[in-house]
PDB file of N, CA and C in Angstrom:
ATOM      1  N   MET A   1      26.186-134.298 -79.504  1.00  0.00           N
ATOM      2  CA  MET A   1      26.306-133.057 -78.763  1.00  0.00           C
ATOM      3  C   MET A   1      26.038-131.885 -79.697  1.00  0.00           C
ATOM      4  N   PRO A   2      25.164-130.979 -79.328  1.00  0.00           N
ATOM      5  CA  PRO A   2      24.780-129.909 -80.244  1.00  0.00           C
ATOM      6  C   PRO A   2      25.905-128.933 -80.554  1.00  0.00           C
ATOM      7  N   TYR A   3      26.916-128.802 -79.679  1.00  0.00           N
ATOM      8  CA  TYR A   3      27.981-127.855 -79.981  1.00  0.00           C
ATOM      9  C   TYR A   3      28.978-128.421 -80.972  1.00  0.00           C
ATOM     10  N   LEU A   4      28.788-129.632 -81.399  1.00  0.00           N
ATOM     11  CA  LEU A   4      29.664-130.225 -82.400  1.00  0.00           C
ATOM     12  C   LEU A   4      29.034-130.149 -83.784  1.00  0.00           C
ATOM     13  N   GLN A   5      28.384-129.032 -84.066  1.00  0.00           N
ATOM     14  CA  GLN A   5      27.756-128.825 -85.354  1.00  0.00           C
ATOM     15  C   GLN A   5      28.821-128.778 -86.449  1.00  0.00           C
ATOM     16  N   PRO A   6      28.545-129.315 -87.623  1.00  0.00           N
ATOM     17  CA  PRO A   6      29.528-129.314 -88.705  1.00  0.00           C
ATOM     18  C   PRO A   6      30.044-127.931 -89.073  1.00  0.00           C
ATOM     19  N   SER A   7      29.222-126.891 -88.979  1.00  0.00           N
ATOM     20  CA  SER A   7      29.679-125.565 -89.389  1.00  0.00           C
ATOM     21  C   SER A   7      30.793-125.028 -88.499  1.00  0.00           C
ATOM     22  N   ILE A   8      30.921-125.554 -87.278  1.00  0.00           N
ATOM     23  CA  ILE A   8      32.013-125.131 -86.408  1.00  0.00           C
ATOM     24  C   ILE A   8      33.328-125.682 -86.936  1.00  0.00           C
ATOM     25  N   PHE A   9      33.271-126.849 -87.586  1.00  0.00           N
ATOM     26  CA  PHE A   9      34.480-127.523 -88.042  1.00  0.00           C
ATOM     27  C   PHE A   9      34.854-127.200 -89.481  1.00  0.00           C
ATOM     28  N   GLU A  10      33.918-126.719 -90.249  1.00  0.00           N
ATOM     29  CA  GLU A  10      34.170-126.506 -91.664  1.00  0.00           C
ATOM     30  C   GLU A  10      34.837-125.167 -91.917  1.00  0.00           C
ATOM     31  N   GLN A  11      35.818-125.184 -92.772  1.00  0.00           N
ATOM     32  CA  GLN A  11      36.526-123.976 -93.155  1.00  0.00           C
ATOM     33  C   GLN A  11      36.227-123.723 -94.625  1.00  0.00           C
ATOM     34  N   PRO A  12      35.722-122.538 -94.965  1.00  0.00           N
ATOM     35  CA  PRO A  12      35.449-122.267 -96.381  1.00  0.00           C
ATOM     36  C   PRO A  12      36.746-122.208 -97.173  1.00  0.00           C
ATOM     37  N   TYR A  13      36.652-122.480 -98.448  1.00  0.00           N
ATOM     38  CA  TYR A  13      37.817-122.402 -99.312  1.00  0.00           C
ATOM     39  C   TYR A  13      37.397-121.825-100.657  1.00  0.00           C
ATOM     40  N   GLN A  14      38.371-121.352-101.400  1.00  0.00           N
ATOM     41  CA  GLN A  14      38.113-120.785-102.715  1.00  0.00           C
ATOM     42  C   GLN A  14      37.855-121.911-103.698  1.00  0.00           C
ATOM     43  N   ALA A  15      36.668-121.946-104.260  1.00  0.00           N
ATOM     44  CA  ALA A  15      36.328-122.986-105.230  1.00  0.00           C
ATOM     45  C   ALA A  15      37.304-122.943-106.400  1.00  0.00           C
ATOM     46  N   GLY A  16      37.711-124.111-106.832  1.00  0.00           N
ATOM     47  CA  GLY A  16      38.628-124.197-107.966  1.00  0.00           C
ATOM     48  C   GLY A  16      40.088-124.067-107.577  1.00  0.00           C
ATOM     49  N   SER A  17      40.373-123.918-106.301  1.00  0.00           N
ATOM     50  CA  SER A  17      41.751-123.783-105.852  1.00  0.00           C
ATOM     51  C   SER A  17      42.115-124.993-104.995  1.00  0.00           C
ATOM     52  N   ASP A  18      42.912-125.906-105.564  1.00  0.00           N
ATOM     53  CA  ASP A  18      43.317-127.087-104.814  1.00  0.00           C
ATOM     54  C   ASP A  18      44.109-126.701-103.569  1.00  0.00           C
ATOM     55  N   THR A  19      44.938-125.672-103.675  1.00  0.00           N
ATOM     56  CA  THR A  19      45.733-125.233-102.533  1.00  0.00           C
ATOM     57  C   THR A  19      44.829-124.751-101.408  1.00  0.00           C
ATOM     58  N   SER A  20      43.805-123.972-101.741  1.00  0.00           N
ATOM     59  CA  SER A  20      42.877-123.472-100.735  1.00  0.00           C
ATOM     60  C   SER A  20      42.116-124.624-100.090  1.00  0.00           C
ATOM     61  N   ARG A  21      41.697-125.584-100.878  1.00  0.00           N
ATOM     62  CA  ARG A  21      40.965-126.743-100.359  1.00  0.00           C
ATOM     63  C   ARG A  21      41.850-127.540 -99.408  1.00  0.00           C
ATOM     64  N   GLU A  22      43.111-127.754 -99.766  1.00  0.00           N
ATOM     65  CA  GLU A  22      44.040-128.493 -98.904  1.00  0.00           C
ATOM     66  C   GLU A  22      44.264-127.765 -97.586  1.00  0.00           C
ATOM     67  N   ALA A  23      44.424-126.461 -97.649  1.00  0.00           N
ATOM     68  CA  ALA A  23      44.612-125.672 -96.427  1.00  0.00           C
ATOM     69  C   ALA A  23      43.378-125.758 -95.539  1.00  0.00           C
ATOM     70  N   ALA A  24      42.205-125.730 -96.139  1.00  0.00           N
ATOM     71  CA  ALA A  24      40.965-125.833 -95.369  1.00  0.00           C
ATOM     72  C   ALA A  24      40.869-127.194 -94.688  1.00  0.00           C
ATOM     73  N   GLU A  25      41.260-128.243 -95.383  1.00  0.00           N
ATOM     74  CA  GLU A  25      41.235-129.579 -94.793  1.00  0.00           C
ATOM     75  C   GLU A  25      42.221-129.688 -93.631  1.00  0.00           C
ATOM     76  N   ARG A  26      43.414-129.116 -93.769  1.00  0.00           N
ATOM     77  CA  ARG A  26      44.410-129.151 -92.690  1.00  0.00           C
ATOM     78  C   ARG A  26      43.923-128.379 -91.470  1.00  0.00           C
ATOM     79  N   ALA A  27      43.154-127.332 -91.689  1.00  0.00           N
ATOM     80  CA  ALA A  27      42.697-126.474 -90.593  1.00  0.00           C
ATOM     81  C   ALA A  27      41.495-127.058 -89.850  1.00  0.00           C
ATOM     82  N   ARG A  28      40.865-128.074 -90.412  1.00  0.00           N
ATOM     83  CA  ARG A  28      39.611-128.594 -89.859  1.00  0.00           C
ATOM     84  C   ARG A  28      39.709-128.971 -88.376  1.00  0.00           C
ATOM     85  N   LYS A  29      40.717-129.745 -87.970  1.00  0.00           N
ATOM     86  CA  LYS A  29      40.842-130.151 -86.565  1.00  0.00           C
ATOM     87  C   LYS A  29      41.071-128.945 -85.670  1.00  0.00           C
ATOM     88  N   PHE A  30      41.947-128.048 -86.105  1.00  0.00           N
ATOM     89  CA  PHE A  30      42.270-126.868 -85.307  1.00  0.00           C
ATOM     90  C   PHE A  30      41.033-126.006 -85.092  1.00  0.00           C
ATOM     91  N   ILE A  31      40.252-125.831 -86.121  1.00  0.00           N
ATOM     92  CA  ILE A  31      39.053-124.997 -86.043  1.00  0.00           C
ATOM     93  C   ILE A  31      38.045-125.602 -85.080  1.00  0.00           C
ATOM     94  N   GLY A  32      37.899-126.911 -85.097  1.00  0.00           N
ATOM     95  CA  GLY A  32      36.974-127.558 -84.176  1.00  0.00           C
ATOM     96  C   GLY A  32      37.348-127.313 -82.732  1.00  0.00           C
ATOM     97  N   ARG A  33      38.621-127.490 -82.401  1.00  0.00           N
ATOM     98  CA  ARG A  33      39.083-127.234 -81.034  1.00  0.00           C
ATOM     99  C   ARG A  33      38.930-125.767 -80.700  1.00  0.00           C
ATOM    100  N   GLN A  34      39.251-124.919 -81.646  1.00  0.00           N
ATOM    101  CA  GLN A  34      39.164-123.475 -81.412  1.00  0.00           C
ATOM    102  C   GLN A  34      37.709-123.062 -81.190  1.00  0.00           C
ATOM    103  N   GLY A  35      36.803-123.609 -81.972  1.00  0.00           N
ATOM    104  CA  GLY A  35      35.382-123.307 -81.805  1.00  0.00           C
ATOM    105  C   GLY A  35      34.876-123.730 -80.436  1.00  0.00           C
ATOM    106  N   LEU A  36      35.305-124.893 -79.988  1.00  0.00           N
ATOM    107  CA  LEU A  36      34.902-125.373 -78.665  1.00  0.00           C
ATOM    108  C   LEU A  36      35.495-124.501 -77.566  1.00  0.00           C
ATOM    109  N   THR A  37      36.717-124.031 -77.761  1.00  0.00           N
ATOM    110  CA  THR A  37      37.362-123.152 -76.780  1.00  0.00           C
ATOM    111  C   THR A  37      36.603-121.832 -76.673  1.00  0.00           C
ATOM    112  N   VAL A  38      36.243-121.261 -77.813  1.00  0.00           N
ATOM    113  CA  VAL A  38      35.499-119.994 -77.822  1.00  0.00           C
ATOM    114  C   VAL A  38      34.124-120.201 -77.184  1.00  0.00           C
ATOM    115  N   LEU A  39      33.446-121.280 -77.531  1.00  0.00           N
ATOM    116  CA  LEU A  39      32.133-121.559 -76.948  1.00  0.00           C
ATOM    117  C   LEU A  39      32.243-121.708 -75.431  1.00  0.00           C
ATOM    118  N   ALA A  40      33.226-122.456 -74.959  1.00  0.00           N
ATOM    119  CA  ALA A  40      33.404-122.663 -73.512  1.00  0.00           C
ATOM    120  C   ALA A  40      33.621-121.334 -72.792  1.00  0.00           C
ATOM    121  N   TRP A  41      34.355-120.420 -73.419  1.00  0.00           N
ATOM    122  CA  TRP A  41      34.600-119.109 -72.810  1.00  0.00           C
ATOM    123  C   TRP A  41      33.284-118.355 -72.641  1.00  0.00           C
ATOM    124  N   PHE A  42      32.447-118.349 -73.665  1.00  0.00           N
ATOM    125  CA  PHE A  42      31.161-117.648 -73.578  1.00  0.00           C
ATOM    126  C   PHE A  42      30.224-118.333 -72.585  1.00  0.00           C
ATOM    127  N   VAL A  43      30.236-119.659 -72.532  1.00  0.00           N
ATOM    128  CA  VAL A  43      29.410-120.381 -71.560  1.00  0.00           C
ATOM    129  C   VAL A  43      29.809-119.973 -70.149  1.00  0.00           C
ATOM    130  N   ALA A  44      31.111-119.910 -69.889  1.00  0.00           N
ATOM    131  CA  ALA A  44      31.613-119.540 -68.558  1.00  0.00           C
ATOM    132  C   ALA A  44      31.224-118.108 -68.181  1.00  0.00           C
ATOM    133  N   ARG A  45      31.033-117.250 -69.144  1.00  0.00           N
ATOM    134  CA  ARG A  45      30.675-115.857 -68.881  1.00  0.00           C
ATOM    135  C   ARG A  45      29.205-115.698 -68.494  1.00  0.00           C
ATOM    136  N   GLY A  46      28.410-116.699 -68.770  1.00  0.00           N
ATOM    137  CA  GLY A  46      27.001-116.658 -68.382  1.00  0.00           C
ATOM    138  C   GLY A  46      26.235-115.523 -69.037  1.00  0.00           C
ATOM    139  N   ALA A  47      25.288-114.960 -68.287  1.00  0.00           N
ATOM    140  CA  ALA A  47      24.405-113.913 -68.806  1.00  0.00           C
ATOM    141  C   ALA A  47      25.146-112.613 -69.086  1.00  0.00           C
ATOM    142  N   TYR A  48      26.319-112.415 -68.476  1.00  0.00           N
ATOM    143  CA  TYR A  48      27.098-111.197 -68.723  1.00  0.00           C
ATOM    144  C   TYR A  48      27.624-111.183 -70.154  1.00  0.00           C
ATOM    145  N   GLY A  49      27.899-112.360 -70.683  1.00  0.00           N
ATOM    146  CA  GLY A  49      28.369-112.464 -72.058  1.00  0.00           C
ATOM    147  C   GLY A  49      29.745-111.882 -72.255  1.00  0.00           C
ATOM    148  N   GLY A  50      30.041-111.574 -73.486  1.00  0.00           N
ATOM    149  CA  GLY A  50      31.342-111.010 -73.814  1.00  0.00           C
ATOM    150  C   GLY A  50      31.388-110.564 -75.251  1.00  0.00           C
ATOM    151  N   THR A  51      32.444-109.861 -75.568  1.00  0.00           N
ATOM    152  CA  THR A  51      32.652-109.378 -76.937  1.00  0.00           C
ATOM    153  C   THR A  51      33.725-110.231 -77.609  1.00  0.00           C
ATOM    154  N   GLN A  52      33.802-110.117 -78.906  1.00  0.00           N
ATOM    155  CA  GLN A  52      34.854-110.827 -79.626  1.00  0.00           C
ATOM    156  C   GLN A  52      36.225-110.330 -79.177  1.00  0.00           C
ATOM    157  N   ARG A  53      36.340-109.049 -78.933  1.00  0.00           N
ATOM    158  CA  ARG A  53      37.609-108.486 -78.476  1.00  0.00           C
ATOM    159  C   ARG A  53      38.009-109.083 -77.131  1.00  0.00           C
ATOM    160  N   GLU A  54      37.055-109.156 -76.197  1.00  0.00           N
ATOM    161  CA  GLU A  54      37.340-109.728 -74.882  1.00  0.00           C
ATOM    162  C   GLU A  54      37.740-111.197 -74.994  1.00  0.00           C
ATOM    163  N   ALA A  55      37.034-111.948 -75.829  1.00  0.00           N
ATOM    164  CA  ALA A  55      37.357-113.366 -76.019  1.00  0.00           C
ATOM    165  C   ALA A  55      38.750-113.518 -76.620  1.00  0.00           C
ATOM    166  N   SER A  56      39.061-112.703 -77.602  1.00  0.00           N
ATOM    167  CA  SER A  56      40.371-112.759 -78.242  1.00  0.00           C
ATOM    168  C   SER A  56      41.490-112.510 -77.238  1.00  0.00           C
ATOM    169  N   GLU A  57      41.331-111.475 -76.422  1.00  0.00           N
ATOM    170  CA  GLU A  57      42.352-111.138 -75.436  1.00  0.00           C
ATOM    171  C   GLU A  57      42.467-112.209 -74.358  1.00  0.00           C
ATOM    172  N   ALA A  58      41.338-112.722 -73.891  1.00  0.00           N
ATOM    173  CA  ALA A  58      41.346-113.720 -72.812  1.00  0.00           C
ATOM    174  C   ALA A  58      41.912-115.063 -73.273  1.00  0.00           C
ATOM    175  N   LEU A  59      41.622-115.440 -74.510  1.00  0.00           N
ATOM    176  CA  LEU A  59      42.010-116.754 -75.008  1.00  0.00           C
ATOM    177  C   LEU A  59      43.333-116.766 -75.762  1.00  0.00           C
ATOM    178  N   GLY A  60      43.830-115.588 -76.114  1.00  0.00           N
ATOM    179  CA  GLY A  60      45.066-115.532 -76.885  1.00  0.00           C
ATOM    180  C   GLY A  60      44.891-116.016 -78.315  1.00  0.00           C
ATOM    181  N   ILE A  61      43.686-115.876 -78.830  1.00  0.00           N
ATOM    182  CA  ILE A  61      43.365-116.256 -80.213  1.00  0.00           C
ATOM    183  C   ILE A  61      43.155-114.974 -80.994  1.00  0.00           C
ATOM    184  N   GLY A  62      43.667-114.906 -82.200  1.00  0.00           N
ATOM    185  CA  GLY A  62      43.523-113.711 -83.023  1.00  0.00           C
ATOM    186  C   GLY A  62      42.067-113.316 -83.221  1.00  0.00           C
ATOM    187  N   ARG A  63      41.836-112.026 -83.281  1.00  0.00           N
ATOM    188  CA  ARG A  63      40.467-111.515 -83.425  1.00  0.00           C
ATOM    189  C   ARG A  63      39.760-112.051 -84.667  1.00  0.00           C
ATOM    190  N   PRO A  64      40.426-112.119 -85.832  1.00  0.00           N
ATOM    191  CA  PRO A  64      39.725-112.671 -87.003  1.00  0.00           C
ATOM    192  C   PRO A  64      39.267-114.117 -86.786  1.00  0.00           C
ATOM    193  N   SER A  65      40.063-114.909 -86.073  1.00  0.00           N
ATOM    194  CA  SER A  65      39.679-116.294 -85.797  1.00  0.00           C
ATOM    195  C   SER A  65      38.500-116.346 -84.845  1.00  0.00           C
ATOM    196  N   VAL A  66      38.514-115.501 -83.808  1.00  0.00           N
ATOM    197  CA  VAL A  66      37.391-115.452 -82.872  1.00  0.00           C
ATOM    198  C   VAL A  66      36.132-115.009 -83.607  1.00  0.00           C
ATOM    199  N   CYS A  67      36.261-114.032 -84.487  1.00  0.00           N
ATOM    200  CA  CYS A  67      35.118-113.551 -85.263  1.00  0.00           C
ATOM    201  C   CYS A  67      34.509-114.685 -86.087  1.00  0.00           C
ATOM    202  N   ALA A  68      35.353-115.455 -86.749  1.00  0.00           N
ATOM    203  CA  ALA A  68      34.865-116.568 -87.567  1.00  0.00           C
ATOM    204  C   ALA A  68      34.186-117.624 -86.708  1.00  0.00           C
ATOM    205  N   ARG A  69      34.765-117.937 -85.559  1.00  0.00           N
ATOM    206  CA  ARG A  69      34.158-118.932 -84.670  1.00  0.00           C
ATOM    207  C   ARG A  69      32.828-118.427 -84.126  1.00  0.00           C
ATOM    208  N   CYS A  70      32.770-117.152 -83.730  1.00  0.00           N
ATOM    209  CA  CYS A  70      31.512-116.577 -83.230  1.00  0.00           C
ATOM    210  C   CYS A  70      30.437-116.629 -84.308  1.00  0.00           C
ATOM    211  N   HIS A  71      30.811-116.324 -85.536  1.00  0.00           N
ATOM    212  CA  HIS A  71      29.844-116.364 -86.630  1.00  0.00           C
ATOM    213  C   HIS A  71      29.290-117.779 -86.795  1.00  0.00           C
ATOM    214  N   ALA A  72      30.168-118.782 -86.786  1.00  0.00           N
ATOM    215  CA  ALA A  72      29.720-120.174 -86.926  1.00  0.00           C
ATOM    216  C   ALA A  72      28.838-120.573 -85.751  1.00  0.00           C
ATOM    217  N   LEU A  73      29.215-120.167 -84.550  1.00  0.00           N
ATOM    218  CA  LEU A  73      28.426-120.498 -83.366  1.00  0.00           C
ATOM    219  C   LEU A  73      27.072-119.779 -83.385  1.00  0.00           C
ATOM    220  N   GLU A  74      27.059-118.583 -83.910  1.00  0.00           N
ATOM    221  CA  GLU A  74      25.804-117.835 -84.029  1.00  0.00           C
ATOM    222  C   GLU A  74      24.886-118.501 -85.060  1.00  0.00           C
ATOM    223  N   GLN A  75      25.461-118.962 -86.155  1.00  0.00           N
ATOM    224  CA  GLN A  75      24.679-119.618 -87.204  1.00  0.00           C
ATOM    225  C   GLN A  75      24.048-120.916 -86.717  1.00  0.00           C
ATOM    226  N   THR A  76      24.679-121.587 -85.755  1.00  0.00           N
ATOM    227  CA  THR A  76      24.146-122.843 -85.248  1.00  0.00           C
ATOM    228  C   THR A  76      23.315-122.645 -83.984  1.00  0.00           C
ATOM    229  N   GLY A  77      23.108-121.388 -83.579  1.00  0.00           N
ATOM    230  CA  GLY A  77      22.279-121.099 -82.424  1.00  0.00           C
ATOM    231  C   GLY A  77      22.975-121.257 -81.082  1.00  0.00           C
ATOM    232  N   GLN A  78      24.277-121.418 -81.097  1.00  0.00           N
ATOM    233  CA  GLN A  78      25.026-121.581 -79.850  1.00  0.00           C
ATOM    234  C   GLN A  78      25.302-120.245 -79.162  1.00  0.00           C
ATOM    235  N   LEU A  79      25.446-119.184 -79.955  1.00  0.00           N
ATOM    236  CA  LEU A  79      25.647-117.828 -79.440  1.00  0.00           C
ATOM    237  C   LEU A  79      24.568-116.925 -79.989  1.00  0.00           C
ATOM    238  N   VAL A  80      24.240-115.904 -79.218  1.00  0.00           N
ATOM    239  CA  VAL A  80      23.275-114.894 -79.658  1.00  0.00           C
ATOM    240  C   VAL A  80      23.890-113.527 -79.416  1.00  0.00           C
ATOM    241  N   LYS A  81      23.797-112.675 -80.422  1.00  0.00           N
ATOM    242  CA  LYS A  81      24.233-111.290 -80.276  1.00  0.00           C
ATOM    243  C   LYS A  81      23.096-110.525 -79.610  1.00  0.00           C
ATOM    244  N   LEU A  82      23.389-109.893 -78.467  1.00  0.00           N
ATOM    245  CA  LEU A  82      22.358-109.147 -77.761  1.00  0.00           C
ATOM    246  C   LEU A  82      22.022-107.879 -78.533  1.00  0.00           C
ATOM    247  N   PRO A  83      20.762-107.700 -78.922  1.00  0.00           N
ATOM    248  CA  PRO A  83      20.377-106.530 -79.706  1.00  0.00           C
ATOM    249  C   PRO A  83      20.648-105.233 -78.934  1.00  0.00           C
ATOM    250  N   GLY A  84      21.363-104.337 -79.562  1.00  0.00           N
ATOM    251  CA  GLY A  84      21.616-103.019 -78.980  1.00  0.00           C
ATOM    252  C   GLY A  84      22.652-102.987 -77.870  1.00  0.00           C
ATOM    253  N   ALA A  85      23.135-104.125 -77.429  1.00  0.00           N
ATOM    254  CA  ALA A  85      24.127-104.153 -76.346  1.00  0.00           C
ATOM    255  C   ALA A  85      25.532-104.045 -76.930  1.00  0.00           C
ATOM    256  N   THR A  86      26.289-103.094 -76.416  1.00  0.00           N
ATOM    257  CA  THR A  86      27.688-102.957 -76.825  1.00  0.00           C
ATOM    258  C   THR A  86      28.553-102.709 -75.597  1.00  0.00           C
ATOM    259  N   ARG A  87      29.802-103.085 -75.736  1.00  0.00           N
ATOM    260  CA  ARG A  87      30.806-102.840 -74.722  1.00  0.00           C
ATOM    261  C   ARG A  87      32.056-102.400 -75.465  1.00  0.00           C
ATOM    262  N   GLN A  88      32.526-101.201 -75.191  1.00  0.00           N
ATOM    263  CA  GLN A  88      33.672-100.628 -75.908  1.00  0.00           C
ATOM    264  C   GLN A  88      33.446-100.691 -77.420  1.00  0.00           C
ATOM    265  N   ARG A  89      32.250-100.331 -77.841  1.00  0.00           N
ATOM    266  CA  ARG A  89      31.831-100.282 -79.240  1.00  0.00           C
ATOM    267  C   ARG A  89      31.825-101.649 -79.929  1.00  0.00           C
ATOM    268  N   CYS A  90      31.788-102.736 -79.153  1.00  0.00           N
ATOM    269  CA  CYS A  90      31.742-104.085 -79.714  1.00  0.00           C
ATOM    270  C   CYS A  90      30.421-104.741 -79.309  1.00  0.00           C
ATOM    271  N   ALA A  91      29.898-105.560 -80.193  1.00  0.00           N
ATOM    272  CA  ALA A  91      28.665-106.300 -79.906  1.00  0.00           C
ATOM    273  C   ALA A  91      28.910-107.283 -78.768  1.00  0.00           C
ATOM    274  N   VAL A  92      27.884-107.512 -77.988  1.00  0.00           N
ATOM    275  CA  VAL A  92      27.959-108.443 -76.869  1.00  0.00           C
ATOM    276  C   VAL A  92      27.217-109.727 -77.250  1.00  0.00           C
ATOM    277  N   TYR A  93      27.880-110.851 -77.029  1.00  0.00           N
ATOM    278  CA  TYR A  93      27.305-112.175 -77.306  1.00  0.00           C
ATOM    279  C   TYR A  93      27.101-112.920 -76.004  1.00  0.00           C
ATOM    280  N   VAL A  94      26.077-113.762 -75.957  1.00  0.00           N
ATOM    281  CA  VAL A  94      25.867-114.677 -74.837  1.00  0.00           C
ATOM    282  C   VAL A  94      25.648-116.077 -75.389  1.00  0.00           C
ATOM    283  N   SER A  95      26.037-117.042 -74.588  1.00  0.00           N
ATOM    284  CA  SER A  95      25.849-118.443 -74.974  1.00  0.00           C
ATOM    285  C   SER A  95      24.417-118.853 -74.706  1.00  0.00           C
ATOM    286  N   MET A  96      23.897-119.711 -75.541  1.00  0.00           N
ATOM    287  CA  MET A  96      22.554-120.236 -75.357  1.00  0.00           C
ATOM    288  C   MET A  96      22.582-121.570 -74.628  1.00  0.00           C
ATOM    289  N   ARG A  97      23.707-121.954 -74.080  1.00  0.00           N
ATOM    290  CA  ARG A  97      23.848-123.230 -73.361  1.00  0.00           C
ATOM    291  C   ARG A  97      23.577-123.046 -71.908  1.00  0.00           C
TER     292      ARG A  97
END
């Protein structure tokens, strides 16, 4: 399944920090589910799309987490930021699914 790209599941960590690496490994499952939840929200929005702020409020996920998931989804081609489109001064994303 294309939405199960590794970058959705991977959490960066500080090189040389065993504690950071361990935390990243513990977060791996949570991030995967969270990425799929964010993707599903954008898919459901269709061509209207949504902003990170709207996704955060609708899903009850912190904005920094939504931002990270959107970035990973954008890097894998699952989301696209609409050029020049903003809503309440936030970029608008649409799903490519």
